[in-house]
Amino acid sequence: MKPVEDTCIAAKPEGCGGGITATAREVFVTGVYSAVDAAASRELARLRRSQGIVPSCQRGCCNCCCGQHIQTNIAEAHALGQYIKRNFSRRQIIDLRQRTLAWQAREAFRRGRPGSTGMTLSDDFESTLCCPLLVERACSAYPVRPVICRTHFVSSDPCACRPPAANHPDSPAPYVLTSVIAASASFSLSLRTDIEKTGRDYSRTIKLLPHWLAIEMGWGIDGGGRRGQRGRPILR
């Protein structure tokens, strides 16, 4: 089987706003997501049925979206970028770019990198380091959220997921439903397999989500949080 490339394929007009056609890689990734979601749903149903365990995660609970380093790979990043270019309005893209730049600045400051002067730490510094896709306590690109987000469920109090609480030695750790991750592992592994078929080193395609977001959108920021010369932001 040939590896999926980023070449464009035909797609239904109603599914490609702004003239952005779906690529083979994008279609492959969304297919993997469907399989991962189905596996996660089956495992959650089994946990509820056999052990009475239910996840405490719900819309509006976004503690895991803040203070965490969410990683994604080149295939997922491509699907994310395509979704944003196709579905976000000009205003949404401008706002997303601003949040991404702010994330980069805070991350650079946290790591003590040059060019991050003028910032000061606060008590809730880690909790403000939220994913740029987070809008009004919900993911603005939920249909194409990475596998790591799709398979992360806890059955403990959501407060245990808050960054400050999670970092405090006396705070209880969140109870992660690891069986959900295991149940969908074979499907998410297909992303790695497909990437490696192109000759790439999978581990080298993994970056923090905001870094990949900036690269896919052409916002002139490299993986280390520095400004580059990749051109102007993509706006519709």
Protein backbone atom coordinates (compact mmCIF):
# COMPACT_ATOMS: atom_id res chain seq x y z
CA MET A 1 0.00 0.00 0.00
CA LYS A 2 1.39 3.38 -1.01
CA PRO A 3 1.76 6.02 1.73
CA VAL A 4 -0.72 8.87 1.78
CA GLU A 5 0.69 12.07 0.36
CA ASP A 6 -0.55 15.65 0.63
CA THR A 7 -1.83 15.82 -2.94
CA CYS A 8 -5.35 17.12 -3.42
CA ILE A 9 -8.26 14.86 -4.30
CA ALA A 10 -11.77 15.65 -5.39
CA ALA A 11 -14.24 16.47 -2.65
CA LYS A 12 -17.86 17.52 -2.43
CA PRO A 13 -18.23 21.30 -2.85
CA GLU A 14 -20.29 21.68 0.32
CA GLY A 15 -17.42 20.15 2.32
CA CYS A 16 -14.75 22.52 1.05
CA GLY A 17 -15.54 26.11 1.86
CA GLY A 18 -13.35 28.82 0.42
CA GLY A 19 -12.23 26.62 -2.45
CA ILE A 20 -9.99 24.49 -0.21
CA THR A 21 -10.07 20.93 -1.50
CA ALA A 22 -9.53 17.93 0.76
CA THR A 23 -6.20 16.17 0.42
CA ALA A 24 -5.59 12.43 0.57
CA ARG A 25 -3.71 12.84 3.83
CA GLU A 26 -6.53 14.86 5.36
CA VAL A 27 -9.09 12.23 4.40
CA PHE A 28 -6.86 9.51 5.84
CA VAL A 29 -6.42 11.34 9.14
CA THR A 30 -10.14 12.02 9.56
CA GLY A 31 -10.78 8.35 8.84
CA VAL A 32 -8.38 7.41 11.63
CA TYR A 33 -10.16 9.85 13.94
CA SER A 34 -13.49 8.14 13.25
CA ALA A 35 -12.00 4.76 14.13
CA VAL A 36 -10.39 6.15 17.29
CA ASP A 37 -13.67 7.75 18.40
CA ALA A 38 -15.58 4.51 17.83
CA ALA A 39 -13.02 2.51 19.84
CA ALA A 40 -13.10 5.06 22.66
CA SER A 41 -16.90 5.00 22.76
CA ARG A 42 -16.96 1.20 22.96
CA GLU A 43 -14.48 1.18 25.83
CA LEU A 44 -16.32 3.92 27.72
CA ALA A 45 -19.55 1.93 27.34
CA ARG A 46 -17.79 -1.19 28.65
CA LEU A 47 -16.43 0.67 31.67
CA ARG A 48 -19.86 2.04 32.47
CA ARG A 49 -21.53 -1.34 32.05
CA SER A 50 -19.00 -3.55 33.85
CA GLN A 51 -17.57 -1.23 36.49
CA GLY A 52 -19.93 1.69 36.74
CA ILE A 53 -17.11 4.07 35.73
CA VAL A 54 -18.12 7.18 33.83
CA PRO A 55 -15.86 10.02 32.66
CA SER A 56 -16.21 13.37 34.39
CA CYS A 57 -15.13 15.18 31.21
CA GLN A 58 -17.76 17.38 29.56
CA ARG A 59 -18.08 20.52 27.47
CA GLY A 60 -16.79 23.53 29.39
CA CYS A 61 -14.30 21.45 31.39
CA CYS A 62 -11.02 22.50 29.78
CA ASN A 63 -8.44 22.10 32.55
CA CYS A 64 -6.48 19.59 30.46
CA CYS A 65 -6.23 22.21 27.67
CA CYS A 66 -4.22 24.55 29.90
CA GLY A 67 -0.76 24.17 31.31
CA GLN A 68 -0.23 21.00 29.29
CA HIS A 69 2.11 20.38 26.37
CA ILE A 70 -0.22 18.91 23.75
CA GLN A 71 1.80 17.09 21.11
CA THR A 72 0.78 16.25 17.57
CA ASN A 73 2.41 14.95 14.41
CA ILE A 74 2.77 16.22 10.86
CA ALA A 75 -0.29 14.33 9.55
CA GLU A 76 -2.62 15.59 12.27
CA ALA A 77 -1.21 19.10 11.89
CA HIS A 78 -2.01 19.04 8.17
CA ALA A 79 -5.63 18.01 8.82
CA LEU A 80 -5.92 20.73 11.47
CA GLY A 81 -4.58 23.41 9.15
CA GLN A 82 -6.93 22.35 6.35
CA TYR A 83 -9.92 22.49 8.69
CA ILE A 84 -9.04 25.99 9.90
CA LYS A 85 -8.46 27.38 6.41
CA ARG A 86 -11.75 25.90 5.25
CA ASN A 87 -14.02 26.67 8.20
CA PHE A 88 -12.68 29.65 10.15
CA SER A 89 -13.71 33.20 9.28
CA ARG A 90 -11.14 35.96 8.71
CA ARG A 91 -11.80 37.28 12.22
CA GLN A 92 -11.40 33.83 13.78
CA ILE A 93 -8.07 33.31 12.03
CA ILE A 94 -6.78 36.71 13.15
CA ASP A 95 -7.79 35.95 16.75
CA LEU A 96 -6.25 32.47 16.55
CA ARG A 97 -3.00 33.93 15.27
CA GLN A 98 -2.89 36.38 18.19
CA ARG A 99 -3.49 33.60 20.70
CA THR A 100 -0.81 31.46 19.05
CA LEU A 101 1.73 34.29 19.16
CA ALA A 102 0.87 34.89 22.82
CA TRP A 103 1.33 31.17 23.55
CA GLN A 104 4.72 31.23 21.82
CA ALA A 105 5.81 34.26 23.85
CA ARG A 106 4.76 32.71 27.16
CA GLU A 107 6.41 29.40 26.28
CA ALA A 108 9.62 31.18 25.28
CA PHE A 109 9.57 33.09 28.57
CA ARG A 110 9.00 29.89 30.54
CA ARG A 111 12.00 28.30 28.86
CA GLY A 112 14.11 31.43 29.31
CA ARG A 113 14.65 31.94 25.60
CA PRO A 114 15.94 35.20 24.11
CA GLY A 115 13.31 37.55 22.78
CA SER A 116 10.85 36.88 25.58
CA THR A 117 11.66 39.94 27.68
CA GLY A 118 8.94 42.21 29.01
CA MET A 119 6.93 39.38 30.53
CA THR A 120 6.47 38.66 34.20
CA LEU A 121 5.48 35.45 35.93
CA SER A 122 2.23 35.28 37.88
CA ASP A 123 0.80 32.68 40.21
CA ASP A 124 -1.49 31.37 37.48
CA PHE A 125 1.18 31.48 34.78
CA GLU A 126 0.93 27.79 33.91
CA SER A 127 -2.87 27.87 33.86
CA THR A 128 -2.81 30.73 31.33
CA LEU A 129 -0.64 28.68 28.96
CA CYS A 130 -3.76 27.36 27.24
CA CYS A 131 -4.09 25.81 23.82
CA PRO A 132 -4.68 28.60 21.27
CA LEU A 133 -7.65 26.64 19.89
CA LEU A 134 -9.50 27.07 23.19
CA VAL A 135 -12.36 29.61 22.85
CA GLU A 136 -14.94 30.19 25.58
CA ARG A 137 -13.79 27.04 27.37
CA ALA A 138 -14.32 24.84 24.29
CA CYS A 139 -12.15 23.62 21.41
CA SER A 140 -12.77 25.72 18.29
CA ALA A 141 -11.50 22.88 16.06
CA TYR A 142 -13.13 20.01 17.95
CA PRO A 143 -13.86 17.79 14.89
CA VAL A 144 -10.12 17.61 14.10
CA ARG A 145 -8.66 17.62 17.61
CA PRO A 146 -5.58 15.32 17.88
CA VAL A 147 -5.73 11.70 19.05
CA ILE A 148 -4.16 12.70 22.36
CA CYS A 149 -7.22 14.87 23.05
CA ARG A 150 -9.72 12.30 21.76
CA THR A 151 -8.53 9.56 24.09
CA HIS A 152 -7.92 11.54 27.29
CA PHE A 153 -10.69 10.88 29.81
CA VAL A 154 -10.69 11.03 33.60
CA SER A 155 -13.21 9.79 36.15
CA SER A 156 -11.88 11.98 38.98
CA ASP A 157 -12.91 15.49 40.00
CA PRO A 158 -12.06 17.91 37.13
CA CYS A 159 -10.39 20.16 39.70
CA ALA A 160 -7.59 17.59 39.95
CA CYS A 161 -6.73 18.38 36.32
CA ARG A 162 -6.02 22.04 36.99
CA PRO A 163 -2.30 22.79 36.41
CA PRO A 164 -1.61 24.42 39.82
CA ALA A 165 -3.38 21.57 41.65
CA ALA A 166 -1.68 18.94 39.52
CA ASN A 167 1.72 20.40 40.35
CA HIS A 168 1.12 20.62 44.09
CA PRO A 169 2.63 17.67 45.98
CA ASP A 170 -0.42 17.34 48.25
CA SER A 171 -2.99 17.43 45.45
CA PRO A 172 -4.60 14.18 44.27
CA ALA A 173 -3.61 13.14 40.76
CA PRO A 174 -6.33 12.86 38.13
CA TYR A 175 -7.57 9.30 37.55
CA VAL A 176 -6.96 8.80 33.83
CA LEU A 177 -8.95 6.08 32.04
CA THR A 178 -5.91 4.48 30.43
CA SER A 179 -7.94 1.60 28.99
CA VAL A 180 -9.51 4.06 26.54
CA ILE A 181 -6.05 4.97 25.26
CA ALA A 182 -5.15 1.29 24.94
CA ALA A 183 -8.39 0.44 23.13
CA SER A 184 -7.68 2.98 20.38
CA ALA A 185 -3.92 2.47 20.17
CA SER A 186 -3.98 0.27 17.07
CA PHE A 187 -5.86 2.91 15.10
CA SER A 188 -3.69 5.83 16.18
CA LEU A 189 -0.63 3.71 15.35
CA SER A 190 -1.70 3.78 11.70
CA LEU A 191 -0.81 7.48 11.63
CA ARG A 192 2.76 6.65 12.58
CA THR A 193 2.92 3.84 10.04
CA ASP A 194 1.71 6.06 7.24
CA ILE A 195 4.18 8.83 8.09
CA GLU A 196 7.08 6.40 8.22
CA LYS A 197 6.12 5.01 4.80
CA THR A 198 7.08 8.38 3.35
CA GLY A 199 10.61 7.93 4.70
CA ARG A 200 10.20 10.36 7.58
CA ASP A 201 11.33 9.72 11.13
CA TYR A 202 8.03 9.79 13.00
CA SER A 203 9.52 11.13 16.22
CA ARG A 204 10.94 14.11 14.33
CA THR A 205 7.49 15.05 13.06
CA ILE A 206 6.14 15.48 16.59
CA LYS A 207 5.89 19.07 17.83
CA LEU A 208 3.76 20.95 20.31
CA LEU A 209 0.39 21.75 18.77
CA PRO A 210 0.86 25.56 18.74
CA HIS A 211 4.21 25.15 16.94
CA TRP A 212 2.64 23.00 14.23
CA LEU A 213 -0.31 25.38 14.04
CA ALA A 214 1.99 28.31 13.28
CA ILE A 215 3.87 26.31 10.65
CA GLU A 216 0.71 25.06 8.89
CA MET A 217 -0.80 28.54 8.81
CA GLY A 218 2.42 30.20 7.62
CA TRP A 219 2.72 32.54 10.57
CA GLY A 220 6.50 32.76 10.46
CA ILE A 221 7.24 30.96 13.73
CA ASP A 222 9.53 27.94 13.94
CA GLY A 223 9.34 25.06 16.36
CA GLY A 224 11.45 26.94 18.90
CA GLY A 225 9.10 29.88 19.13
CA ARG A 226 11.25 32.28 17.09
CA ARG A 227 10.03 34.48 14.26
CA GLY A 228 11.02 33.35 10.81
CA GLN A 229 10.52 34.53 7.26
CA ARG A 230 7.70 32.26 6.13
CA GLY A 231 5.39 35.04 4.98
CA ARG A 232 2.12 36.59 6.02
CA PRO A 233 -0.71 34.89 7.89
CA ILE A 234 -3.27 33.06 5.80
CA LEU A 235 -6.55 34.96 5.86
CA ARG A 236 -9.75 34.37 3.97
